[in-house]
Amino acid sequence: MKRIAHCIYAESARHTGTDWSRNYVWYPDGRVRRFTPNEVERVQGFPENWTLPRHFDEHRADRLDSLRYHAVGNAVTPPVAEWVGQHLASVMQAQDLERLRKAGTAVAAE
């Protein structure tokens, strides 16, 4: 809802480990913030905290969000993978049925 907020996209002039393209939320009152790791997980179809490790070094916690963004960005979106899998299965089933039909026709012709 643009009346509440909308997304803006920022891209740096160079790509380094932490200086990569990012998505932000811009509110009409001028506030801008980056999407949280949980928000990007939900948008991609993952459950909340999917990329949060069970054990991590507290001294390196500042890098954790960056690693989580990268994990989600490099992942296959679960709903898309499910859709592709279901459609592949239906095509394969149709091909199997066609082969059985042809085999049955060939047997009946003998």
PDB file of N, CA and C in Angstrom:
ATOM      1  N   MET A   1       0.839  -1.180   0.000  1.00  0.00           N
ATOM      2  CA  MET A   1       0.000   0.000   0.000  1.00  0.00           C
ATOM      3  C   MET A   1       0.884   1.244   0.000  1.00  0.00           C
ATOM      4  N   LYS A   2       0.870   1.960  -1.088  1.00  0.00           N
ATOM      5  CA  LYS A   2       1.723   3.137  -1.188  1.00  0.00           C
ATOM      6  C   LYS A   2       1.333   4.237  -0.208  1.00  0.00           C
ATOM      7  N   ARG A   3       0.095   4.211   0.283  1.00  0.00           N
ATOM      8  CA  ARG A   3      -0.283   5.233   1.265  1.00  0.00           C
ATOM      9  C   ARG A   3       0.487   5.042   2.560  1.00  0.00           C
ATOM     10  N   ILE A   4       0.892   3.796   2.839  1.00  0.00           N
ATOM     11  CA  ILE A   4       1.625   3.496   4.064  1.00  0.00           C
ATOM     12  C   ILE A   4       3.119   3.552   3.794  1.00  0.00           C
ATOM     13  N   ALA A   5       3.570   2.837   2.775  1.00  0.00           N
ATOM     14  CA  ALA A   5       4.994   2.785   2.442  1.00  0.00           C
ATOM     15  C   ALA A   5       5.145   2.116   1.087  1.00  0.00           C
ATOM     16  N   HIS A   6       6.247   2.351   0.425  1.00  0.00           N
ATOM     17  CA  HIS A   6       6.549   1.593  -0.777  1.00  0.00           C
ATOM     18  C   HIS A   6       8.039   1.325  -0.842  1.00  0.00           C
ATOM     19  N   CYS A   7       8.405   0.389  -1.696  1.00  0.00           N
ATOM     20  CA  CYS A   7       9.790  -0.054  -1.780  1.00  0.00           C
ATOM     21  C   CYS A   7      10.590   0.853  -2.695  1.00  0.00           C
ATOM     22  N   ILE A   8      11.824   1.076  -2.328  1.00  0.00           N
ATOM     23  CA  ILE A   8      12.763   1.733  -3.224  1.00  0.00           C
ATOM     24  C   ILE A   8      13.980   0.829  -3.332  1.00  0.00           C
ATOM     25  N   TYR A   9      14.698   0.978  -4.403  1.00  0.00           N
ATOM     26  CA  TYR A   9      15.825   0.105  -4.679  1.00  0.00           C
ATOM     27  C   TYR A   9      17.065   0.975  -4.779  1.00  0.00           C
ATOM     28  N   ALA A  10      18.084   0.630  -4.035  1.00  0.00           N
ATOM     29  CA  ALA A  10      19.331   1.379  -4.069  1.00  0.00           C
ATOM     30  C   ALA A  10      20.433   0.468  -4.584  1.00  0.00           C
ATOM     31  N   GLU A  11      21.270   1.003  -5.433  1.00  0.00           N
ATOM     32  CA  GLU A  11      22.363   0.205  -5.965  1.00  0.00           C
ATOM     33  C   GLU A  11      23.644   1.021  -5.875  1.00  0.00           C
ATOM     34  N   SER A  12      24.675   0.397  -5.378  1.00  0.00           N
ATOM     35  CA  SER A  12      25.945   1.096  -5.247  1.00  0.00           C
ATOM     36  C   SER A  12      26.673   1.099  -6.585  1.00  0.00           C
ATOM     37  N   ALA A  13      27.658   1.938  -6.687  1.00  0.00           N
ATOM     38  CA  ALA A  13      28.447   2.012  -7.922  1.00  0.00           C
ATOM     39  C   ALA A  13      29.423   0.855  -8.029  1.00  0.00           C
ATOM     40  N   ARG A  14      29.718   0.210  -6.913  1.00  0.00           N
ATOM     41  CA  ARG A  14      30.661  -0.909  -6.928  1.00  0.00           C
ATOM     42  C   ARG A  14      30.128  -2.016  -6.035  1.00  0.00           C
ATOM     43  N   HIS A  15      30.612  -3.201  -6.273  1.00  0.00           N
ATOM     44  CA  HIS A  15      30.151  -4.353  -5.499  1.00  0.00           C
ATOM     45  C   HIS A  15      31.299  -4.853  -4.629  1.00  0.00           C
ATOM     46  N   THR A  16      31.098  -4.768  -3.331  1.00  0.00           N
ATOM     47  CA  THR A  16      32.050  -5.357  -2.389  1.00  0.00           C
ATOM     48  C   THR A  16      31.250  -6.304  -1.512  1.00  0.00           C
ATOM     49  N   GLY A  17      31.876  -6.937  -0.583  1.00  0.00           N
ATOM     50  CA  GLY A  17      31.193  -7.893   0.268  1.00  0.00           C
ATOM     51  C   GLY A  17      29.976  -7.339   0.986  1.00  0.00           C
ATOM     52  N   THR A  18      30.018  -6.077   1.400  1.00  0.00           N
ATOM     53  CA  THR A  18      28.887  -5.515   2.138  1.00  0.00           C
ATOM     54  C   THR A  18      28.195  -4.399   1.377  1.00  0.00           C
ATOM     55  N   ASP A  19      28.745  -3.979   0.258  1.00  0.00           N
ATOM     56  CA  ASP A  19      28.207  -2.846  -0.498  1.00  0.00           C
ATOM     57  C   ASP A  19      27.487  -3.359  -1.740  1.00  0.00           C
ATOM     58  N   TRP A  20      26.387  -4.077  -1.539  1.00  0.00           N
ATOM     59  CA  TRP A  20      25.672  -4.670  -2.660  1.00  0.00           C
ATOM     60  C   TRP A  20      24.272  -4.075  -2.745  1.00  0.00           C
ATOM     61  N   SER A  21      23.576  -4.393  -3.782  1.00  0.00           N
ATOM     62  CA  SER A  21      22.230  -3.851  -3.991  1.00  0.00           C
ATOM     63  C   SER A  21      21.327  -4.188  -2.811  1.00  0.00           C
ATOM     64  N   ARG A  22      20.480  -3.241  -2.455  1.00  0.00           N
ATOM     65  CA  ARG A  22      19.611  -3.424  -1.296  1.00  0.00           C
ATOM     66  C   ARG A  22      18.223  -2.894  -1.593  1.00  0.00           C
ATOM     67  N   ASN A  23      17.253  -3.436  -0.904  1.00  0.00           N
ATOM     68  CA  ASN A  23      15.882  -2.944  -0.992  1.00  0.00           C
ATOM     69  C   ASN A  23      15.524  -2.260   0.309  1.00  0.00           C
ATOM     70  N   TYR A  24      14.838  -1.145   0.180  1.00  0.00           N
ATOM     71  CA  TYR A  24      14.456  -0.346   1.332  1.00  0.00           C
ATOM     72  C   TYR A  24      12.968  -0.071   1.301  1.00  0.00           C
ATOM     73  N   VAL A  25      12.428   0.304   2.452  1.00  0.00           N
ATOM     74  CA  VAL A  25      11.048   0.761   2.554  1.00  0.00           C
ATOM     75  C   VAL A  25      11.108   2.252   2.810  1.00  0.00           C
ATOM     76  N   TRP A  26      10.340   2.988   2.015  1.00  0.00           N
ATOM     77  CA  TRP A  26      10.282   4.435   2.171  1.00  0.00           C
ATOM     78  C   TRP A  26       8.869   4.799   2.593  1.00  0.00           C
ATOM     79  N   TYR A  27       8.748   5.488   3.722  1.00  0.00           N
ATOM     80  CA  TYR A  27       7.452   5.894   4.254  1.00  0.00           C
ATOM     81  C   TYR A  27       7.149   7.326   3.831  1.00  0.00           C
ATOM     82  N   PRO A  28       5.878   7.679   3.677  1.00  0.00           N
ATOM     83  CA  PRO A  28       5.509   9.031   3.258  1.00  0.00           C
ATOM     84  C   PRO A  28       6.054  10.133   4.165  1.00  0.00           C
ATOM     85  N   ASP A  29       6.295   9.814   5.441  1.00  0.00           N
ATOM     86  CA  ASP A  29       6.823  10.850   6.348  1.00  0.00           C
ATOM     87  C   ASP A  29       8.327  11.053   6.181  1.00  0.00           C
ATOM     88  N   GLY A  30       8.940  10.332   5.216  1.00  0.00           N
ATOM     89  CA  GLY A  30      10.356  10.518   4.935  1.00  0.00           C
ATOM     90  C   GLY A  30      11.275   9.475   5.549  1.00  0.00           C
ATOM     91  N   ARG A  31      10.740   8.636   6.436  1.00  0.00           N
ATOM     92  CA  ARG A  31      11.578   7.587   7.019  1.00  0.00           C
ATOM     93  C   ARG A  31      11.928   6.561   5.956  1.00  0.00           C
ATOM     94  N   VAL A  32      13.171   6.077   6.025  1.00  0.00           N
ATOM     95  CA  VAL A  32      13.635   5.022   5.126  1.00  0.00           C
ATOM     96  C   VAL A  32      14.317   3.971   5.980  1.00  0.00           C
ATOM     97  N   ARG A  33      14.032   2.718   5.698  1.00  0.00           N
ATOM     98  CA  ARG A  33      14.707   1.647   6.417  1.00  0.00           C
ATOM     99  C   ARG A  33      14.912   0.477   5.475  1.00  0.00           C
ATOM    100  N   ARG A  34      15.860  -0.351   5.822  1.00  0.00           N
ATOM    101  CA  ARG A  34      16.144  -1.551   5.052  1.00  0.00           C
ATOM    102  C   ARG A  34      15.201  -2.661   5.501  1.00  0.00           C
ATOM    103  N   PHE A  35      14.803  -3.539   4.569  1.00  0.00           N
ATOM    104  CA  PHE A  35      14.027  -4.697   4.964  1.00  0.00           C
ATOM    105  C   PHE A  35      14.832  -5.525   5.952  1.00  0.00           C
ATOM    106  N   THR A  36      14.162  -6.130   6.915  1.00  0.00           N
ATOM    107  CA  THR A  36      14.837  -7.001   7.878  1.00  0.00           C
ATOM    108  C   THR A  36      15.040  -8.382   7.248  1.00  0.00           C
ATOM    109  N   PRO A  37      15.960  -9.182   7.779  1.00  0.00           N
ATOM    110  CA  PRO A  37      16.112 -10.547   7.268  1.00  0.00           C
ATOM    111  C   PRO A  37      14.805 -11.343   7.311  1.00  0.00           C
ATOM    112  N   ASN A  38      14.016 -11.176   8.377  1.00  0.00           N
ATOM    113  CA  ASN A  38      12.735 -11.889   8.454  1.00  0.00           C
ATOM    114  C   ASN A  38      11.775 -11.454   7.360  1.00  0.00           C
ATOM    115  N   GLU A  39      11.769 -10.181   7.011  1.00  0.00           N
ATOM    116  CA  GLU A  39      10.888  -9.704   5.943  1.00  0.00           C
ATOM    117  C   GLU A  39      11.283 -10.288   4.592  1.00  0.00           C
ATOM    118  N   VAL A  40      12.577 -10.333   4.305  1.00  0.00           N
ATOM    119  CA  VAL A  40      12.984 -10.901   3.019  1.00  0.00           C
ATOM    120  C   VAL A  40      12.751 -12.407   2.984  1.00  0.00           C
ATOM    121  N   GLU A  41      12.860 -13.062   4.131  1.00  0.00           N
ATOM    122  CA  GLU A  41      12.539 -14.494   4.187  1.00  0.00           C
ATOM    123  C   GLU A  41      11.067 -14.721   3.838  1.00  0.00           C
ATOM    124  N   ARG A  42      10.189 -13.930   4.440  1.00  0.00           N
ATOM    125  CA  ARG A  42       8.751 -14.091   4.182  1.00  0.00           C
ATOM    126  C   ARG A  42       8.412 -13.792   2.724  1.00  0.00           C
ATOM    127  N   VAL A  43       8.994 -12.754   2.157  1.00  0.00           N
ATOM    128  CA  VAL A  43       8.735 -12.400   0.754  1.00  0.00           C
ATOM    129  C   VAL A  43       9.151 -13.540  -0.172  1.00  0.00           C
ATOM    130  N   GLN A  44      10.223 -14.218   0.161  1.00  0.00           N
ATOM    131  CA  GLN A  44      10.717 -15.318  -0.661  1.00  0.00           C
ATOM    132  C   GLN A  44       9.992 -16.637  -0.386  1.00  0.00           C
ATOM    133  N   GLY A  45       9.119 -16.664   0.616  1.00  0.00           N
ATOM    134  CA  GLY A  45       8.353 -17.869   0.896  1.00  0.00           C
ATOM    135  C   GLY A  45       8.935 -18.767   1.966  1.00  0.00           C
ATOM    136  N   PHE A  46       9.926 -18.277   2.692  1.00  0.00           N
ATOM    137  CA  PHE A  46      10.515 -19.058   3.779  1.00  0.00           C
ATOM    138  C   PHE A  46       9.837 -18.693   5.096  1.00  0.00           C
ATOM    139  N   PRO A  47       9.834 -19.600   6.060  1.00  0.00           N
ATOM    140  CA  PRO A  47       9.322 -19.233   7.380  1.00  0.00           C
ATOM    141  C   PRO A  47      10.268 -18.240   8.059  1.00  0.00           C
ATOM    142  N   GLU A  48       9.732 -17.485   8.992  1.00  0.00           N
ATOM    143  CA  GLU A  48      10.535 -16.506   9.722  1.00  0.00           C
ATOM    144  C   GLU A  48      11.702 -17.192  10.431  1.00  0.00           C
ATOM    145  N   ASN A  49      12.859 -16.547  10.417  1.00  0.00           N
ATOM    146  CA  ASN A  49      14.103 -17.022  11.041  1.00  0.00           C
ATOM    147  C   ASN A  49      14.681 -18.267  10.380  1.00  0.00           C
ATOM    148  N   TRP A  50      14.277 -18.552   9.145  1.00  0.00           N
ATOM    149  CA  TRP A  50      14.772 -19.718   8.422  1.00  0.00           C
ATOM    150  C   TRP A  50      16.288 -19.669   8.274  1.00  0.00           C
ATOM    151  N   THR A  51      16.850 -18.491   8.074  1.00  0.00           N
ATOM    152  CA  THR A  51      18.299 -18.370   7.871  1.00  0.00           C
ATOM    153  C   THR A  51      19.059 -18.089   9.156  1.00  0.00           C
ATOM    154  N   LEU A  52      18.363 -17.993  10.266  1.00  0.00           N
ATOM    155  CA  LEU A  52      19.031 -17.713  11.544  1.00  0.00           C
ATOM    156  C   LEU A  52      19.697 -18.988  12.044  1.00  0.00           C
ATOM    157  N   PRO A  53      21.031 -18.995  12.169  1.00  0.00           N
ATOM    158  CA  PRO A  53      21.700 -20.211  12.645  1.00  0.00           C
ATOM    159  C   PRO A  53      21.366 -20.478  14.110  1.00  0.00           C
ATOM    160  N   ARG A  54      21.387 -21.731  14.461  1.00  0.00           N
ATOM    161  CA  ARG A  54      21.115 -22.100  15.863  1.00  0.00           C
ATOM    162  C   ARG A  54      22.251 -21.658  16.764  1.00  0.00           C
ATOM    163  N   HIS A  55      23.460 -21.770  16.248  1.00  0.00           N
ATOM    164  CA  HIS A  55      24.639 -21.374  17.019  1.00  0.00           C
ATOM    165  C   HIS A  55      25.485 -20.447  16.155  1.00  0.00           C
ATOM    166  N   PHE A  56      25.848 -19.319  16.703  1.00  0.00           N
ATOM    167  CA  PHE A  56      26.737 -18.416  15.979  1.00  0.00           C
ATOM    168  C   PHE A  56      27.598 -17.652  16.976  1.00  0.00           C
ATOM    169  N   ASP A  57      28.698 -17.180  16.492  1.00  0.00           N
ATOM    170  CA  ASP A  57      29.663 -16.455  17.312  1.00  0.00           C
ATOM    171  C   ASP A  57      29.129 -15.052  17.604  1.00  0.00           C
ATOM    172  N   GLU A  58      28.851 -14.753  18.850  1.00  0.00           N
ATOM    173  CA  GLU A  58      28.312 -13.444  19.237  1.00  0.00           C
ATOM    174  C   GLU A  58      29.236 -12.297  18.808  1.00  0.00           C
ATOM    175  N   HIS A  59      30.540 -12.562  18.723  1.00  0.00           N
ATOM    176  CA  HIS A  59      31.488 -11.509  18.343  1.00  0.00           C
ATOM    177  C   HIS A  59      31.366 -11.153  16.867  1.00  0.00           C
ATOM    178  N   ARG A  60      30.753 -12.035  16.083  1.00  0.00           N
ATOM    179  CA  ARG A  60      30.592 -11.783  14.648  1.00  0.00           C
ATOM    180  C   ARG A  60      29.128 -11.517  14.295  1.00  0.00           C
ATOM    181  N   ALA A  61      28.323 -11.194  15.289  1.00  0.00           N
ATOM    182  CA  ALA A  61      26.890 -10.982  15.073  1.00  0.00           C
ATOM    183  C   ALA A  61      26.625  -9.852  14.089  1.00  0.00           C
ATOM    184  N   ASP A  62      27.540  -8.894  13.980  1.00  0.00           N
ATOM    185  CA  ASP A  62      27.346  -7.781  13.055  1.00  0.00           C
ATOM    186  C   ASP A  62      27.310  -8.260  11.599  1.00  0.00           C
ATOM    187  N   ARG A  63      27.942  -9.387  11.305  1.00  0.00           N
ATOM    188  CA  ARG A  63      27.938  -9.938   9.951  1.00  0.00           C
ATOM    189  C   ARG A  63      26.741 -10.857   9.692  1.00  0.00           C
ATOM    190  N   LEU A  64      26.038 -11.211  10.738  1.00  0.00           N
ATOM    191  CA  LEU A  64      24.968 -12.199  10.620  1.00  0.00           C
ATOM    192  C   LEU A  64      23.877 -11.758   9.644  1.00  0.00           C
ATOM    193  N   ASP A  65      23.393 -10.518   9.761  1.00  0.00           N
ATOM    194  CA  ASP A  65      22.336 -10.063   8.858  1.00  0.00           C
ATOM    195  C   ASP A  65      22.785 -10.128   7.407  1.00  0.00           C
ATOM    196  N   SER A  66      24.007  -9.710   7.137  1.00  0.00           N
ATOM    197  CA  SER A  66      24.524  -9.756   5.769  1.00  0.00           C
ATOM    198  C   SER A  66      24.528 -11.183   5.235  1.00  0.00           C
ATOM    199  N   LEU A  67      24.954 -12.127   6.066  1.00  0.00           N
ATOM    200  CA  LEU A  67      24.962 -13.526   5.658  1.00  0.00           C
ATOM    201  C   LEU A  67      23.546 -14.047   5.429  1.00  0.00           C
ATOM    202  N   ARG A  68      22.607 -13.592   6.233  1.00  0.00           N
ATOM    203  CA  ARG A  68      21.206 -14.011   6.062  1.00  0.00           C
ATOM    204  C   ARG A  68      20.631 -13.466   4.769  1.00  0.00           C
ATOM    205  N   TYR A  69      20.921 -12.187   4.452  1.00  0.00           N
ATOM    206  CA  TYR A  69      20.442 -11.602   3.184  1.00  0.00           C
ATOM    207  C   TYR A  69      21.008 -12.391   2.000  1.00  0.00           C
ATOM    208  N   HIS A  70      22.272 -12.732   2.078  1.00  0.00           N
ATOM    209  CA  HIS A  70      22.901 -13.491   0.994  1.00  0.00           C
ATOM    210  C   HIS A  70      22.287 -14.879   0.858  1.00  0.00           C
ATOM    211  N   ALA A  71      22.011 -15.528   1.973  1.00  0.00           N
ATOM    212  CA  ALA A  71      21.424 -16.871   1.935  1.00  0.00           C
ATOM    213  C   ALA A  71      20.058 -16.850   1.251  1.00  0.00           C
ATOM    214  N   VAL A  72      19.231 -15.874   1.602  1.00  0.00           N
ATOM    215  CA  VAL A  72      17.907 -15.775   0.988  1.00  0.00           C
ATOM    216  C   VAL A  72      18.037 -15.400  -0.489  1.00  0.00           C
ATOM    217  N   GLY A  73      18.945 -14.487  -0.785  1.00  0.00           N
ATOM    218  CA  GLY A  73      19.128 -14.060  -2.172  1.00  0.00           C
ATOM    219  C   GLY A  73      19.649 -15.159  -3.079  1.00  0.00           C
ATOM    220  N   ASN A  74      20.389 -16.096  -2.531  1.00  0.00           N
ATOM    221  CA  ASN A  74      20.943 -17.188  -3.331  1.00  0.00           C
ATOM    222  C   ASN A  74      20.040 -18.419  -3.353  1.00  0.00           C
ATOM    223  N   ALA A  75      18.930 -18.361  -2.639  1.00  0.00           N
ATOM    224  CA  ALA A  75      18.050 -19.529  -2.516  1.00  0.00           C
ATOM    225  C   ALA A  75      17.038 -19.597  -3.657  1.00  0.00           C
ATOM    226  N   VAL A  76      16.534 -20.788  -3.867  1.00  0.00           N
ATOM    227  CA  VAL A  76      15.403 -20.983  -4.768  1.00  0.00           C
ATOM    228  C   VAL A  76      14.144 -20.741  -3.937  1.00  0.00           C
ATOM    229  N   THR A  77      13.247 -19.916  -4.441  1.00  0.00           N
ATOM    230  CA  THR A  77      12.031 -19.595  -3.713  1.00  0.00           C
ATOM    231  C   THR A  77      11.151 -20.843  -3.604  1.00  0.00           C
ATOM    232  N   PRO A  78      10.830 -21.285  -2.377  1.00  0.00           N
ATOM    233  CA  PRO A  78      10.073 -22.526  -2.203  1.00  0.00           C
ATOM    234  C   PRO A  78       8.765 -22.612  -2.998  1.00  0.00           C
ATOM    235  N   PRO A  79       7.915 -21.567  -3.029  1.00  0.00           N
ATOM    236  CA  PRO A  79       6.683 -21.699  -3.812  1.00  0.00           C
ATOM    237  C   PRO A  79       6.959 -21.899  -5.310  1.00  0.00           C
ATOM    238  N   VAL A  80       8.012 -21.305  -5.828  1.00  0.00           N
ATOM    239  CA  VAL A  80       8.354 -21.484  -7.245  1.00  0.00           C
ATOM    240  C   VAL A  80       8.829 -22.912  -7.479  1.00  0.00           C
ATOM    241  N   ALA A  81       9.691 -23.421  -6.610  1.00  0.00           N
ATOM    242  CA  ALA A  81      10.174 -24.794  -6.742  1.00  0.00           C
ATOM    243  C   ALA A  81       9.004 -25.781  -6.662  1.00  0.00           C
ATOM    244  N   GLU A  82       8.066 -25.531  -5.773  1.00  0.00           N
ATOM    245  CA  GLU A  82       6.900 -26.402  -5.648  1.00  0.00           C
ATOM    246  C   GLU A  82       6.071 -26.372  -6.929  1.00  0.00           C
ATOM    247  N   TRP A  83       5.833 -25.187  -7.493  1.00  0.00           N
ATOM    248  CA  TRP A  83       5.053 -25.046  -8.720  1.00  0.00           C
ATOM    249  C   TRP A  83       5.723 -25.798  -9.868  1.00  0.00           C
ATOM    250  N   VAL A  84       7.036 -25.615 -10.021  1.00  0.00           N
ATOM    251  CA  VAL A  84       7.770 -26.306 -11.083  1.00  0.00           C
ATOM    252  C   VAL A  84       7.679 -27.818 -10.892  1.00  0.00           C
ATOM    253  N   GLY A  85       7.882 -28.290  -9.670  1.00  0.00           N
ATOM    254  CA  GLY A  85       7.817 -29.716  -9.386  1.00  0.00           C
ATOM    255  C   GLY A  85       6.451 -30.314  -9.693  1.00  0.00           C
ATOM    256  N   GLN A  86       5.394 -29.614  -9.303  1.00  0.00           N
ATOM    257  CA  GLN A  86       4.047 -30.107  -9.566  1.00  0.00           C
ATOM    258  C   GLN A  86       3.764 -30.184 -11.068  1.00  0.00           C
ATOM    259  N   HIS A  87       4.200 -29.178 -11.804  1.00  0.00           N
ATOM    260  CA  HIS A  87       3.957 -29.184 -13.247  1.00  0.00           C
ATOM    261  C   HIS A  87       4.804 -30.239 -13.960  1.00  0.00           C
ATOM    262  N   LEU A  88       6.022 -30.431 -13.517  1.00  0.00           N
ATOM    263  CA  LEU A  88       6.836 -31.504 -14.093  1.00  0.00           C
ATOM    264  C   LEU A  88       6.199 -32.864 -13.825  1.00  0.00           C
ATOM    265  N   ALA A  89       5.712 -33.058 -12.616  1.00  0.00           N
ATOM    266  CA  ALA A  89       5.075 -34.330 -12.267  1.00  0.00           C
ATOM    267  C   ALA A  89       3.839 -34.570 -13.128  1.00  0.00           C
ATOM    268  N   SER A  90       3.042 -33.536 -13.357  1.00  0.00           N
ATOM    269  CA  SER A  90       1.830 -33.729 -14.164  1.00  0.00           C
ATOM    270  C   SER A  90       2.179 -34.052 -15.616  1.00  0.00           C
ATOM    271  N   VAL A  91       3.223 -33.427 -16.161  1.00  0.00           N
ATOM    272  CA  VAL A  91       3.656 -33.732 -17.525  1.00  0.00           C
ATOM    273  C   VAL A  91       4.164 -35.170 -17.597  1.00  0.00           C
ATOM    274  N   MET A  92       4.942 -35.580 -16.622  1.00  0.00           N
ATOM    275  CA  MET A  92       5.473 -36.947 -16.620  1.00  0.00           C
ATOM    276  C   MET A  92       4.342 -37.978 -16.483  1.00  0.00           C
ATOM    277  N   GLN A  93       3.342 -37.676 -15.658  1.00  0.00           N
ATOM    278  CA  GLN A  93       2.206 -38.586 -15.517  1.00  0.00           C
ATOM    279  C   GLN A  93       1.436 -38.697 -16.829  1.00  0.00           C
ATOM    280  N   ALA A  94       1.249 -37.569 -17.507  1.00  0.00           N
ATOM    281  CA  ALA A  94       0.549 -37.585 -18.792  1.00  0.00           C
ATOM    282  C   ALA A  94       1.328 -38.406 -19.818  1.00  0.00           C
ATOM    283  N   GLN A  95       2.645 -38.271 -19.810  1.00  0.00           N
ATOM    284  CA  GLN A  95       3.467 -39.058 -20.735  1.00  0.00           C
ATOM    285  C   GLN A  95       3.371 -40.553 -20.413  1.00  0.00           C
ATOM    286  N   ASP A  96       3.386 -40.892 -19.132  1.00  0.00           N
ATOM    287  CA  ASP A  96       3.251 -42.297 -18.727  1.00  0.00           C
ATOM    288  C   ASP A  96       1.907 -42.859 -19.176  1.00  0.00           C
ATOM    289  N   LEU A  97       0.832 -42.101 -18.974  1.00  0.00           N
ATOM    290  CA  LEU A  97      -0.492 -42.550 -19.392  1.00  0.00           C
ATOM    291  C   LEU A  97      -0.562 -42.744 -20.908  1.00  0.00           C
ATOM    292  N   GLU A  98       0.054 -41.845 -21.655  1.00  0.00           N
ATOM    293  CA  GLU A  98       0.079 -41.955 -23.117  1.00  0.00           C
ATOM    294  C   GLU A  98       0.839 -43.208 -23.547  1.00  0.00           C
ATOM    295  N   ARG A  99       1.971 -43.491 -22.902  1.00  0.00           N
ATOM    296  CA  ARG A  99       2.738 -44.710 -23.212  1.00  0.00           C
ATOM    297  C   ARG A  99       1.916 -45.965 -22.911  1.00  0.00           C
ATOM    298  N   LEU A 100       1.218 -45.964 -21.767  1.00  0.00           N
ATOM    299  CA  LEU A 100       0.381 -47.108 -21.414  1.00  0.00           C
ATOM    300  C   LEU A 100      -0.765 -47.279 -22.410  1.00  0.00           C
ATOM    301  N   ARG A 101      -1.363 -46.162 -22.817  1.00  0.00           N
ATOM    302  CA  ARG A 101      -2.438 -46.214 -23.792  1.00  0.00           C
ATOM    303  C   ARG A 101      -1.949 -46.804 -25.115  1.00  0.00           C
ATOM    304  N   LYS A 102      -0.778 -46.342 -25.577  1.00  0.00           N
ATOM    305  CA  LYS A 102      -0.207 -46.843 -26.813  1.00  0.00           C
ATOM    306  C   LYS A 102       0.162 -48.319 -26.687  1.00  0.00           C
ATOM    307  N   ALA A 103       0.714 -48.701 -25.547  1.00  0.00           N
ATOM    308  CA  ALA A 103       1.078 -50.106 -25.330  1.00  0.00           C
ATOM    309  C   ALA A 103      -0.176 -50.970 -25.315  1.00  0.00           C
ATOM    310  N   GLY A 104      -1.263 -50.489 -24.711  1.00  0.00           N
ATOM    311  CA  GLY A 104      -2.519 -51.221 -24.683  1.00  0.00           C
ATOM    312  C   GLY A 104      -3.120 -51.374 -26.066  1.00  0.00           C
ATOM    313  N   THR A 105      -3.017 -50.316 -26.867  1.00  0.00           N
ATOM    314  CA  THR A 105      -3.528 -50.348 -28.239  1.00  0.00           C
ATOM    315  C   THR A 105      -2.754 -51.343 -29.065  1.00  0.00           C
ATOM    316  N   ALA A 106      -1.420 -51.374 -28.863  1.00  0.00           N
ATOM    317  CA  ALA A 106      -0.568 -52.305 -29.624  1.00  0.00           C
ATOM    318  C   ALA A 106      -0.886 -53.746 -29.260  1.00  0.00           C
ATOM    319  N   VAL A 107      -1.129 -54.016 -27.974  1.00  0.00           N
ATOM    320  CA  VAL A 107      -1.453 -55.375 -27.526  1.00  0.00           C
ATOM    321  C   VAL A 107      -2.805 -55.792 -28.079  1.00  0.00           C
ATOM    322  N   ALA A 108      -3.777 -54.876 -28.069  1.00  0.00           N
ATOM    323  CA  ALA A 108      -5.129 -55.182 -28.542  1.00  0.00           C
ATOM    324  C   ALA A 108      -5.129 -55.453 -30.045  1.00  0.00           C
ATOM    325  N   ALA A 109      -4.211 -54.796 -30.774  1.00  0.00           N
ATOM    326  CA  ALA A 109      -4.147 -54.978 -32.228  1.00  0.00           C
ATOM    327  C   ALA A 109      -3.589 -56.334 -32.589  1.00  0.00           C
ATOM    328  N   GLU A 110      -2.826 -56.952 -31.711  1.00  0.00           N
ATOM    329  CA  GLU A 110      -2.231 -58.267 -32.019  1.00  0.00           C
ATOM    330  C   GLU A 110      -3.267 -59.275 -31.962  1.00  0.00           C
TER     331      GLU A 110
END
